[in-house]
Amino acid sequence: MRYGWVALTVVVTLANASGGQFESPQVRTTASVLNSPVDEAAIVRFFYYPPGDYFHFPLVLRAVKPTSSLLDTAPMREEGRTAYISLADMQRLVRALSRSDLVWKHTAAVEPLGPFKKLALTGIGVSTMQILVENSNGTATALVAPKNICQTLAPLDSAFSLPRVLWEFQLLRWGYHCRVPGFKRDAYPDHI
């Protein structure tokens, strides 16, 4: 019985020291890329280069203002196929990624993406798909095994409201032999 009082005293002392609330490392959230506000600095990149297959360009998603002429376009840039999405779509995408079962590695470093040609040379995306989320708070990366690519990416379609951006994302999935119901490969003939 004496030990019960000691344990109760420790619990009460800890509760009082924390302002009457218990804090758990699992409950407490720290600022990270996936739970911080999404703004125009946010970038999401999907990249996987299946060994022995043709080179797959990374798909880079960048948020732009609703008045930007880049909105719902997807030109080829040095960093890869770059689709410009609305801030609302980027917020939905990052929220969906944060709620996924992916294991994320966080870093405070924010670095330019650099040319896509160097990705395969550095081994990024060669044996697994890499998903990169970056904003002004840092970078988060997750790896997706090839056998899980289709099931991981399919639920993300609902994040996109713009037709060209949705098509580019579905093209990415189709390129990895995922089943994409209703996808029309020739919808955007200007895609090179």
N, C-alpha and C. Protein backbone atom coordinates (compact mmCIF):
# COMPACT_ATOMS: atom_id res chain seq x y z
N MET A 1 0.81 -1.18 0.00
CA MET A 1 0.00 0.00 0.00
C MET A 1 0.86 1.25 0.00
N ARG A 2 2.00 1.18 0.68
CA ARG A 2 2.89 2.32 0.76
C ARG A 2 3.37 2.71 -0.65
N TYR A 3 3.61 1.73 -1.53
CA TYR A 3 4.08 2.03 -2.88
C TYR A 3 3.00 2.71 -3.71
N GLY A 4 1.74 2.39 -3.41
CA GLY A 4 0.63 3.04 -4.11
C GLY A 4 0.62 4.54 -3.88
N TRP A 5 0.89 4.97 -2.64
CA TRP A 5 0.95 6.39 -2.32
C TRP A 5 2.11 7.08 -3.02
N VAL A 6 3.23 6.40 -3.12
CA VAL A 6 4.39 6.97 -3.80
C VAL A 6 4.07 7.18 -5.27
N ALA A 7 3.47 6.18 -5.89
CA ALA A 7 3.12 6.30 -7.31
C ALA A 7 2.11 7.41 -7.52
N LEU A 8 1.11 7.51 -6.65
CA LEU A 8 0.11 8.55 -6.76
C LEU A 8 0.74 9.92 -6.58
N THR A 9 1.66 10.05 -5.66
CA THR A 9 2.35 11.32 -5.43
C THR A 9 3.14 11.73 -6.67
N VAL A 10 3.80 10.79 -7.31
CA VAL A 10 4.59 11.08 -8.51
C VAL A 10 3.66 11.52 -9.64
N VAL A 11 2.53 10.84 -9.82
CA VAL A 11 1.58 11.19 -10.87
C VAL A 11 1.02 12.58 -10.63
N VAL A 12 0.61 12.88 -9.40
CA VAL A 12 0.06 14.19 -9.08
C VAL A 12 1.12 15.27 -9.28
N THR A 13 2.35 15.00 -8.87
CA THR A 13 3.43 15.97 -9.05
C THR A 13 3.68 16.23 -10.53
N LEU A 14 3.71 15.17 -11.35
CA LEU A 14 3.92 15.35 -12.78
C LEU A 14 2.77 16.11 -13.41
N ALA A 15 1.54 15.81 -12.99
CA ALA A 15 0.38 16.51 -13.54
C ALA A 15 0.43 17.99 -13.18
N ASN A 16 0.79 18.30 -11.95
CA ASN A 16 0.89 19.70 -11.54
C ASN A 16 2.02 20.42 -12.26
N ALA A 17 3.13 19.74 -12.47
CA ALA A 17 4.28 20.35 -13.14
C ALA A 17 3.97 20.67 -14.60
N SER A 18 3.06 19.91 -15.22
CA SER A 18 2.75 20.15 -16.62
C SER A 18 1.47 20.96 -16.78
N GLY A 19 1.09 21.68 -15.75
CA GLY A 19 -0.10 22.52 -15.83
C GLY A 19 -1.39 21.74 -15.73
N GLY A 20 -1.36 20.56 -15.12
CA GLY A 20 -2.56 19.77 -14.96
C GLY A 20 -2.85 18.85 -16.12
N GLN A 21 -1.98 18.84 -17.14
CA GLN A 21 -2.20 17.97 -18.28
C GLN A 21 -1.00 17.06 -18.46
N PHE A 22 -1.28 15.83 -18.79
CA PHE A 22 -0.20 14.90 -19.08
C PHE A 22 0.22 15.13 -20.52
N GLU A 23 1.50 15.08 -20.76
CA GLU A 23 2.00 15.21 -22.12
C GLU A 23 2.65 13.90 -22.52
N SER A 24 2.30 13.45 -23.67
CA SER A 24 2.85 12.21 -24.19
C SER A 24 3.59 12.51 -25.49
N PRO A 25 4.74 11.91 -25.71
CA PRO A 25 5.46 12.16 -26.96
C PRO A 25 4.62 11.76 -28.17
N GLN A 26 3.73 10.79 -28.03
CA GLN A 26 2.90 10.36 -29.15
C GLN A 26 1.82 11.39 -29.46
N VAL A 27 1.34 12.11 -28.46
CA VAL A 27 0.27 13.07 -28.65
C VAL A 27 0.83 14.42 -29.11
N ARG A 28 1.93 14.82 -28.56
CA ARG A 28 2.53 16.11 -28.87
C ARG A 28 3.03 16.10 -30.30
N THR A 29 2.73 17.14 -31.04
CA THR A 29 3.22 17.22 -32.41
C THR A 29 4.26 18.32 -32.50
N THR A 30 5.26 18.07 -33.29
CA THR A 30 6.28 19.08 -33.50
C THR A 30 6.11 19.63 -34.91
N ALA A 31 6.60 20.82 -35.14
CA ALA A 31 6.49 21.43 -36.46
C ALA A 31 7.27 20.60 -37.46
N SER A 32 6.63 20.24 -38.53
CA SER A 32 7.29 19.52 -39.60
C SER A 32 6.66 19.94 -40.91
N VAL A 33 7.22 19.47 -41.97
CA VAL A 33 6.73 19.80 -43.30
C VAL A 33 5.28 19.34 -43.47
N LEU A 34 4.97 18.15 -42.99
CA LEU A 34 3.65 17.58 -43.22
C LEU A 34 2.55 18.16 -42.35
N ASN A 35 2.88 18.79 -41.25
CA ASN A 35 1.82 19.36 -40.42
C ASN A 35 1.93 20.88 -40.28
N SER A 36 2.74 21.50 -41.12
CA SER A 36 2.84 22.96 -41.10
C SER A 36 1.97 23.54 -42.21
N PRO A 37 1.64 24.82 -42.14
CA PRO A 37 0.81 25.43 -43.19
C PRO A 37 1.44 25.29 -44.57
N VAL A 38 0.61 25.02 -45.55
CA VAL A 38 1.08 24.86 -46.92
C VAL A 38 0.94 26.19 -47.63
N ASP A 39 2.01 26.64 -48.26
CA ASP A 39 1.98 27.89 -49.01
C ASP A 39 2.59 27.69 -50.39
N GLU A 40 2.83 28.78 -51.12
CA GLU A 40 3.36 28.67 -52.48
C GLU A 40 4.78 28.11 -52.53
N ALA A 41 5.44 27.98 -51.39
CA ALA A 41 6.79 27.39 -51.37
C ALA A 41 6.74 25.86 -51.38
N ALA A 42 5.56 25.29 -51.23
CA ALA A 42 5.43 23.83 -51.14
C ALA A 42 5.69 23.16 -52.49
N ILE A 43 6.40 22.03 -52.39
CA ILE A 43 6.73 21.22 -53.57
C ILE A 43 6.50 19.77 -53.18
N VAL A 44 5.93 18.99 -54.09
CA VAL A 44 5.85 17.55 -53.91
C VAL A 44 6.43 16.92 -55.18
N ARG A 45 7.34 15.95 -54.98
CA ARG A 45 7.94 15.27 -56.14
C ARG A 45 7.77 13.76 -55.97
N PHE A 46 7.37 13.12 -57.05
CA PHE A 46 7.27 11.66 -57.12
C PHE A 46 8.31 11.19 -58.13
N PHE A 47 9.17 10.26 -57.73
CA PHE A 47 10.17 9.77 -58.67
C PHE A 47 10.48 8.30 -58.42
N TYR A 48 10.41 7.54 -59.50
CA TYR A 48 10.81 6.13 -59.48
C TYR A 48 11.35 5.78 -60.86
N TYR A 49 12.52 5.19 -60.88
CA TYR A 49 13.16 4.79 -62.12
C TYR A 49 13.35 3.28 -62.08
N PRO A 50 12.38 2.54 -62.62
CA PRO A 50 12.50 1.08 -62.57
C PRO A 50 13.75 0.60 -63.32
N PRO A 51 14.58 -0.17 -62.67
CA PRO A 51 15.79 -0.67 -63.33
C PRO A 51 15.43 -1.43 -64.61
N GLY A 52 16.16 -1.13 -65.68
CA GLY A 52 15.96 -1.81 -66.95
C GLY A 52 14.81 -1.26 -67.77
N ASP A 53 14.06 -0.32 -67.24
CA ASP A 53 12.92 0.26 -67.94
C ASP A 53 13.39 1.57 -68.57
N TYR A 54 12.51 2.18 -69.37
CA TYR A 54 12.84 3.50 -69.91
C TYR A 54 12.88 4.51 -68.77
N PHE A 55 13.53 5.64 -69.00
CA PHE A 55 13.66 6.63 -67.94
C PHE A 55 12.31 7.29 -67.69
N HIS A 56 11.88 7.29 -66.46
CA HIS A 56 10.64 7.94 -66.04
C HIS A 56 11.02 9.30 -65.44
N PHE A 57 10.46 10.35 -65.99
CA PHE A 57 10.73 11.68 -65.45
C PHE A 57 10.02 11.85 -64.11
N PRO A 58 10.62 12.59 -63.20
CA PRO A 58 9.92 12.88 -61.95
C PRO A 58 8.71 13.77 -62.24
N LEU A 59 7.67 13.61 -61.44
CA LEU A 59 6.55 14.53 -61.49
C LEU A 59 6.70 15.45 -60.29
N VAL A 60 6.83 16.74 -60.58
CA VAL A 60 6.99 17.75 -59.55
C VAL A 60 5.72 18.60 -59.53
N LEU A 61 5.14 18.75 -58.36
CA LEU A 61 3.93 19.55 -58.20
C LEU A 61 4.30 20.81 -57.42
N ARG A 62 3.93 21.95 -57.96
CA ARG A 62 4.21 23.24 -57.31
C ARG A 62 2.91 24.03 -57.19
N ALA A 63 2.71 24.64 -56.03
CA ALA A 63 1.52 25.46 -55.81
C ALA A 63 1.75 26.87 -56.35
N VAL A 64 0.74 27.40 -57.01
CA VAL A 64 0.79 28.77 -57.51
C VAL A 64 -0.51 29.49 -57.15
N LYS A 65 -0.48 30.79 -57.24
CA LYS A 65 -1.67 31.59 -56.96
C LYS A 65 -2.73 31.33 -58.03
N PRO A 66 -4.00 31.52 -57.69
CA PRO A 66 -5.07 31.26 -58.65
C PRO A 66 -5.00 32.14 -59.90
N THR A 67 -4.31 33.27 -59.81
CA THR A 67 -4.21 34.17 -60.97
C THR A 67 -3.00 33.87 -61.85
N SER A 68 -2.18 32.90 -61.47
CA SER A 68 -0.97 32.59 -62.22
C SER A 68 -1.31 31.95 -63.57
N SER A 69 -0.60 32.37 -64.60
CA SER A 69 -0.81 31.76 -65.92
C SER A 69 -0.26 30.33 -65.98
N LEU A 70 0.53 29.95 -64.99
CA LEU A 70 1.07 28.59 -64.93
C LEU A 70 0.07 27.57 -64.39
N LEU A 71 -0.98 28.04 -63.70
CA LEU A 71 -1.94 27.15 -63.07
C LEU A 71 -2.52 26.16 -64.09
N ASP A 72 -2.52 24.89 -63.72
CA ASP A 72 -3.03 23.78 -64.53
C ASP A 72 -2.24 23.57 -65.83
N THR A 73 -0.95 23.89 -65.79
CA THR A 73 -0.05 23.57 -66.90
C THR A 73 0.99 22.59 -66.37
N ALA A 74 1.70 21.95 -67.29
CA ALA A 74 2.70 20.96 -66.87
C ALA A 74 3.87 20.92 -67.84
N PRO A 75 4.66 21.98 -67.88
CA PRO A 75 5.81 21.98 -68.78
C PRO A 75 6.95 21.10 -68.24
N MET A 76 7.81 20.71 -69.15
CA MET A 76 9.02 19.99 -68.75
C MET A 76 10.03 21.04 -68.31
N ARG A 77 10.56 20.85 -67.13
CA ARG A 77 11.57 21.74 -66.56
C ARG A 77 12.80 20.91 -66.23
N GLU A 78 13.85 21.58 -65.83
CA GLU A 78 15.10 20.90 -65.46
C GLU A 78 14.89 19.88 -64.34
N GLU A 79 13.94 20.18 -63.43
CA GLU A 79 13.69 19.30 -62.28
C GLU A 79 12.73 18.16 -62.60
N GLY A 80 12.11 18.19 -63.79
CA GLY A 80 11.18 17.14 -64.19
C GLY A 80 9.91 17.74 -64.75
N ARG A 81 8.93 16.88 -65.00
CA ARG A 81 7.62 17.36 -65.44
C ARG A 81 7.02 18.13 -64.27
N THR A 82 6.77 19.43 -64.47
CA THR A 82 6.36 20.29 -63.37
C THR A 82 4.92 20.73 -63.59
N ALA A 83 4.03 20.22 -62.76
CA ALA A 83 2.61 20.56 -62.84
C ALA A 83 2.32 21.62 -61.78
N TYR A 84 1.66 22.67 -62.21
CA TYR A 84 1.35 23.79 -61.31
C TYR A 84 -0.08 23.64 -60.82
N ILE A 85 -0.22 23.53 -59.50
CA ILE A 85 -1.52 23.26 -58.91
C ILE A 85 -1.95 24.41 -58.00
N SER A 86 -3.22 24.41 -57.66
CA SER A 86 -3.73 25.44 -56.75
C SER A 86 -3.24 25.17 -55.34
N LEU A 87 -3.26 26.20 -54.55
CA LEU A 87 -2.86 26.06 -53.15
C LEU A 87 -3.81 25.09 -52.43
N ALA A 88 -5.10 25.15 -52.74
CA ALA A 88 -6.07 24.24 -52.11
C ALA A 88 -5.75 22.78 -52.46
N ASP A 89 -5.40 22.53 -53.73
CA ASP A 89 -5.04 21.17 -54.13
C ASP A 89 -3.77 20.70 -53.42
N MET A 90 -2.80 21.60 -53.29
CA MET A 90 -1.56 21.25 -52.60
C MET A 90 -1.86 20.92 -51.13
N GLN A 91 -2.72 21.70 -50.52
CA GLN A 91 -3.09 21.43 -49.13
C GLN A 91 -3.75 20.06 -49.00
N ARG A 92 -4.66 19.73 -49.91
CA ARG A 92 -5.30 18.41 -49.88
C ARG A 92 -4.29 17.29 -50.10
N LEU A 93 -3.35 17.50 -51.03
CA LEU A 93 -2.34 16.49 -51.32
C LEU A 93 -1.44 16.25 -50.11
N VAL A 94 -0.94 17.30 -49.51
CA VAL A 94 -0.05 17.15 -48.35
C VAL A 94 -0.80 16.52 -47.18
N ARG A 95 -2.05 16.91 -47.00
CA ARG A 95 -2.87 16.31 -45.93
C ARG A 95 -3.05 14.81 -46.17
N ALA A 96 -3.34 14.43 -47.42
CA ALA A 96 -3.51 13.02 -47.75
C ALA A 96 -2.21 12.24 -47.54
N LEU A 97 -1.09 12.83 -47.92
CA LEU A 97 0.20 12.17 -47.71
C LEU A 97 0.50 12.03 -46.22
N SER A 98 0.17 13.05 -45.43
CA SER A 98 0.46 12.98 -44.00
C SER A 98 -0.40 11.93 -43.30
N ARG A 99 -1.56 11.64 -43.85
CA ARG A 99 -2.46 10.63 -43.25
C ARG A 99 -2.20 9.23 -43.79
N SER A 100 -1.31 9.10 -44.73
CA SER A 100 -1.02 7.79 -45.32
C SER A 100 -0.19 6.95 -44.35
N ASP A 101 0.01 5.70 -44.71
CA ASP A 101 0.81 4.80 -43.88
C ASP A 101 2.30 4.92 -44.16
N LEU A 102 2.70 5.90 -44.93
CA LEU A 102 4.10 6.05 -45.28
C LEU A 102 4.93 6.45 -44.07
N VAL A 103 6.17 6.01 -44.06
CA VAL A 103 7.11 6.39 -43.01
C VAL A 103 7.95 7.54 -43.55
N TRP A 104 7.88 8.67 -42.87
CA TRP A 104 8.53 9.88 -43.36
C TRP A 104 9.82 10.17 -42.60
N LYS A 105 10.81 10.59 -43.33
CA LYS A 105 12.07 11.06 -42.75
C LYS A 105 12.07 12.58 -42.90
N HIS A 106 12.21 13.28 -41.80
CA HIS A 106 12.14 14.74 -41.80
C HIS A 106 13.53 15.34 -41.60
N THR A 107 13.74 16.47 -42.27
CA THR A 107 14.96 17.23 -42.08
C THR A 107 14.62 18.71 -42.20
N ALA A 108 15.35 19.54 -41.51
CA ALA A 108 15.12 20.99 -41.56
C ALA A 108 15.72 21.61 -42.82
N ALA A 109 16.52 20.85 -43.54
CA ALA A 109 17.18 21.38 -44.74
C ALA A 109 16.17 21.59 -45.87
N VAL A 110 16.32 22.71 -46.54
CA VAL A 110 15.52 23.02 -47.73
C VAL A 110 16.52 23.28 -48.85
N GLU A 111 16.50 22.42 -49.84
CA GLU A 111 17.47 22.54 -50.93
C GLU A 111 16.74 22.57 -52.26
N PRO A 112 17.29 23.24 -53.25
CA PRO A 112 16.68 23.21 -54.58
C PRO A 112 16.65 21.77 -55.10
N LEU A 113 15.63 21.45 -55.89
CA LEU A 113 15.50 20.08 -56.39
C LEU A 113 16.64 19.68 -57.32
N GLY A 114 17.11 20.59 -58.14
CA GLY A 114 18.19 20.27 -59.06
C GLY A 114 17.68 19.51 -60.27
N PRO A 115 18.54 19.26 -61.24
CA PRO A 115 18.13 18.61 -62.48
C PRO A 115 17.78 17.13 -62.26
N PHE A 116 16.72 16.69 -62.95
CA PHE A 116 16.28 15.30 -62.80
C PHE A 116 17.31 14.31 -63.30
N LYS A 117 18.17 14.72 -64.20
CA LYS A 117 19.16 13.79 -64.76
C LYS A 117 20.12 13.27 -63.69
N LYS A 118 20.28 14.03 -62.62
CA LYS A 118 21.20 13.60 -61.57
C LYS A 118 20.55 12.64 -60.57
N LEU A 119 19.22 12.56 -60.57
CA LEU A 119 18.53 11.72 -59.59
C LEU A 119 18.94 10.25 -59.71
N ALA A 120 18.86 9.71 -60.89
CA ALA A 120 19.20 8.30 -61.07
C ALA A 120 20.68 8.05 -60.78
N LEU A 121 21.52 9.03 -61.06
CA LEU A 121 22.95 8.89 -60.80
C LEU A 121 23.24 8.81 -59.30
N THR A 122 22.40 9.47 -58.49
CA THR A 122 22.61 9.45 -57.05
C THR A 122 21.89 8.28 -56.39
N GLY A 123 21.13 7.52 -57.17
CA GLY A 123 20.43 6.37 -56.62
C GLY A 123 19.05 6.68 -56.10
N ILE A 124 18.65 7.94 -56.11
CA ILE A 124 17.32 8.31 -55.64
C ILE A 124 16.28 7.77 -56.61
N GLY A 125 15.32 7.05 -56.10
CA GLY A 125 14.24 6.54 -56.92
C GLY A 125 14.59 5.34 -57.78
N VAL A 126 15.76 4.75 -57.57
CA VAL A 126 16.16 3.64 -58.43
C VAL A 126 15.54 2.32 -57.97
N SER A 127 15.58 2.01 -56.70
CA SER A 127 15.01 0.74 -56.25
C SER A 127 13.62 0.91 -55.64
N THR A 128 13.27 2.11 -55.24
CA THR A 128 11.95 2.41 -54.68
C THR A 128 11.52 3.79 -55.14
N MET A 129 10.21 4.02 -55.11
CA MET A 129 9.73 5.36 -55.43
C MET A 129 10.03 6.27 -54.24
N GLN A 130 10.51 7.46 -54.54
CA GLN A 130 10.71 8.45 -53.50
C GLN A 130 9.64 9.53 -53.66
N ILE A 131 8.98 9.83 -52.55
CA ILE A 131 8.05 10.96 -52.51
C ILE A 131 8.71 12.01 -51.62
N LEU A 132 8.88 13.19 -52.16
CA LEU A 132 9.51 14.29 -51.44
C LEU A 132 8.49 15.39 -51.26
N VAL A 133 8.37 15.89 -50.05
CA VAL A 133 7.53 17.05 -49.74
C VAL A 133 8.45 18.09 -49.13
N GLU A 134 8.40 19.29 -49.70
CA GLU A 134 9.30 20.34 -49.22
C GLU A 134 8.53 21.65 -49.10
N ASN A 135 8.83 22.39 -48.05
CA ASN A 135 8.33 23.75 -47.91
C ASN A 135 9.34 24.54 -47.09
N SER A 136 8.97 25.72 -46.66
CA SER A 136 9.94 26.57 -45.95
C SER A 136 10.35 26.01 -44.60
N ASN A 137 9.65 25.00 -44.07
CA ASN A 137 10.03 24.38 -42.79
C ASN A 137 10.98 23.21 -42.94
N GLY A 138 11.26 22.77 -44.16
CA GLY A 138 12.18 21.67 -44.35
C GLY A 138 11.70 20.70 -45.41
N THR A 139 12.18 19.47 -45.30
CA THR A 139 11.91 18.44 -46.30
C THR A 139 11.49 17.16 -45.59
N ALA A 140 10.53 16.48 -46.18
CA ALA A 140 10.13 15.15 -45.72
C ALA A 140 10.19 14.22 -46.91
N THR A 141 10.74 13.04 -46.70
CA THR A 141 10.81 12.05 -47.78
C THR A 141 10.27 10.72 -47.28
N ALA A 142 9.65 10.00 -48.20
CA ALA A 142 9.15 8.66 -47.91
C ALA A 142 9.49 7.78 -49.10
N LEU A 143 9.71 6.51 -48.84
CA LEU A 143 10.00 5.54 -49.89
C LEU A 143 8.83 4.58 -50.03
N VAL A 144 8.52 4.24 -51.29
CA VAL A 144 7.42 3.33 -51.57
C VAL A 144 7.98 2.16 -52.37
N ALA A 145 7.80 0.95 -51.86
CA ALA A 145 8.25 -0.25 -52.57
C ALA A 145 7.47 -0.35 -53.89
N PRO A 146 8.12 -0.83 -54.95
CA PRO A 146 7.45 -0.92 -56.26
C PRO A 146 6.10 -1.64 -56.19
N LYS A 147 6.00 -2.70 -55.40
CA LYS A 147 4.73 -3.45 -55.34
C LYS A 147 3.61 -2.65 -54.67
N ASN A 148 3.95 -1.55 -53.98
CA ASN A 148 2.94 -0.74 -53.28
C ASN A 148 2.63 0.58 -53.97
N ILE A 149 3.27 0.85 -55.11
CA ILE A 149 3.09 2.14 -55.77
C ILE A 149 1.63 2.39 -56.14
N CYS A 150 1.00 1.43 -56.78
CA CYS A 150 -0.38 1.64 -57.26
C CYS A 150 -1.34 1.90 -56.10
N GLN A 151 -1.28 1.10 -55.08
CA GLN A 151 -2.21 1.28 -53.95
C GLN A 151 -1.90 2.54 -53.15
N THR A 152 -0.65 2.98 -53.14
CA THR A 152 -0.28 4.20 -52.41
C THR A 152 -0.74 5.45 -53.15
N LEU A 153 -0.60 5.45 -54.48
CA LEU A 153 -0.90 6.65 -55.25
C LEU A 153 -2.38 6.81 -55.60
N ALA A 154 -3.11 5.73 -55.76
CA ALA A 154 -4.52 5.81 -56.21
C ALA A 154 -5.38 6.74 -55.35
N PRO A 155 -5.31 6.69 -54.02
CA PRO A 155 -6.16 7.57 -53.23
C PRO A 155 -5.83 9.06 -53.37
N LEU A 156 -4.68 9.38 -53.94
CA LEU A 156 -4.27 10.78 -54.05
C LEU A 156 -4.99 11.51 -55.18
N ASP A 157 -5.62 10.77 -56.10
CA ASP A 157 -6.36 11.41 -57.20
C ASP A 157 -7.35 12.44 -56.68
N SER A 158 -7.96 12.16 -55.55
CA SER A 158 -9.01 13.05 -55.02
C SER A 158 -8.46 14.41 -54.57
N ALA A 159 -7.16 14.56 -54.48
CA ALA A 159 -6.57 15.85 -54.08
C ALA A 159 -6.61 16.87 -55.22
N PHE A 160 -6.76 16.40 -56.44
CA PHE A 160 -6.62 17.29 -57.60
C PHE A 160 -7.96 17.69 -58.19
N SER A 161 -8.17 19.00 -58.31
CA SER A 161 -9.40 19.51 -58.90
C SER A 161 -9.20 20.00 -60.34
N LEU A 162 -7.95 20.23 -60.73
CA LEU A 162 -7.66 20.75 -62.06
C LEU A 162 -7.43 19.60 -63.05
N PRO A 163 -8.05 19.66 -64.23
CA PRO A 163 -8.00 18.52 -65.16
C PRO A 163 -6.60 18.15 -65.66
N ARG A 164 -5.80 19.13 -66.01
CA ARG A 164 -4.47 18.80 -66.54
C ARG A 164 -3.59 18.19 -65.46
N VAL A 165 -3.64 18.73 -64.27
CA VAL A 165 -2.82 18.22 -63.18
C VAL A 165 -3.26 16.79 -62.82
N LEU A 166 -4.57 16.56 -62.75
CA LEU A 166 -5.07 15.20 -62.49
C LEU A 166 -4.59 14.26 -63.57
N TRP A 167 -4.65 14.68 -64.83
CA TRP A 167 -4.21 13.83 -65.94
C TRP A 167 -2.72 13.51 -65.81
N GLU A 168 -1.89 14.49 -65.47
CA GLU A 168 -0.45 14.26 -65.31
C GLU A 168 -0.20 13.25 -64.18
N PHE A 169 -0.94 13.38 -63.09
CA PHE A 169 -0.76 12.44 -61.98
C PHE A 169 -1.22 11.04 -62.38
N GLN A 170 -2.33 10.95 -63.11
CA GLN A 170 -2.80 9.63 -63.56
C GLN A 170 -1.85 9.04 -64.60
N LEU A 171 -1.26 9.89 -65.43
CA LEU A 171 -0.25 9.41 -66.38
C LEU A 171 0.94 8.81 -65.64
N LEU A 172 1.35 9.45 -64.57
CA LEU A 172 2.43 8.90 -63.74
C LEU A 172 2.06 7.50 -63.27
N ARG A 173 0.85 7.35 -62.74
CA ARG A 173 0.40 6.04 -62.26
C ARG A 173 0.32 5.03 -63.40
N TRP A 174 -0.24 5.44 -64.53
CA TRP A 174 -0.37 4.57 -65.70
C TRP A 174 1.02 4.10 -66.17
N GLY A 175 2.01 4.99 -66.11
CA GLY A 175 3.37 4.66 -66.52
C GLY A 175 4.02 3.58 -65.65
N TYR A 176 3.47 3.38 -64.45
CA TYR A 176 3.97 2.32 -63.56
C TYR A 176 3.03 1.13 -63.56
N HIS A 177 2.23 1.02 -64.64
CA HIS A 177 1.34 -0.13 -64.88
C HIS A 177 0.23 -0.24 -63.84
N CYS A 178 -0.19 0.89 -63.30
CA CYS A 178 -1.33 0.90 -62.38
C CYS A 178 -2.61 0.96 -63.19
N ARG A 179 -3.66 0.38 -62.65
CA ARG A 179 -4.97 0.48 -63.26
C ARG A 179 -5.53 1.86 -62.92
N VAL A 180 -5.88 2.64 -63.96
CA VAL A 180 -6.39 4.00 -63.77
C VAL A 180 -7.71 4.10 -64.55
N PRO A 181 -8.83 3.77 -63.91
CA PRO A 181 -10.14 3.79 -64.59
C PRO A 181 -10.44 5.16 -65.20
N GLY A 182 -10.87 5.15 -66.46
CA GLY A 182 -11.27 6.38 -67.15
C GLY A 182 -10.12 7.21 -67.70
N PHE A 183 -8.89 6.77 -67.51
CA PHE A 183 -7.74 7.55 -67.99
C PHE A 183 -7.66 7.50 -69.51
N LYS A 184 -7.53 8.67 -70.13
CA LYS A 184 -7.40 8.77 -71.59
C LYS A 184 -6.00 9.25 -71.91
N ARG A 185 -5.17 8.36 -72.36
CA ARG A 185 -3.75 8.63 -72.63
C ARG A 185 -3.55 9.79 -73.60
N ASP A 186 -4.45 9.93 -74.58
CA ASP A 186 -4.27 10.94 -75.61
C ASP A 186 -5.02 12.25 -75.33
N ALA A 187 -5.44 12.48 -74.12
CA ALA A 187 -6.22 13.68 -73.77
C ALA A 187 -5.44 14.98 -73.96
N TYR A 188 -4.13 14.91 -73.78
CA TYR A 188 -3.29 16.12 -73.93
C TYR A 188 -2.16 15.83 -74.91
N PRO A 189 -2.43 16.02 -76.21
CA PRO A 189 -1.41 15.70 -77.23
C PRO A 189 -0.15 16.55 -77.12
N ASP A 190 -0.21 17.68 -76.42
CA ASP A 190 0.97 18.53 -76.29
C ASP A 190 1.97 17.96 -75.28
N HIS A 191 1.58 16.90 -74.56
CA HIS A 191 2.50 16.29 -73.58
C HIS A 191 3.61 15.57 -74.34
N ILE A 192 4.81 16.00 -74.13
CA ILE A 192 5.95 15.40 -74.85
C ILE A 192 6.82 14.67 -73.85
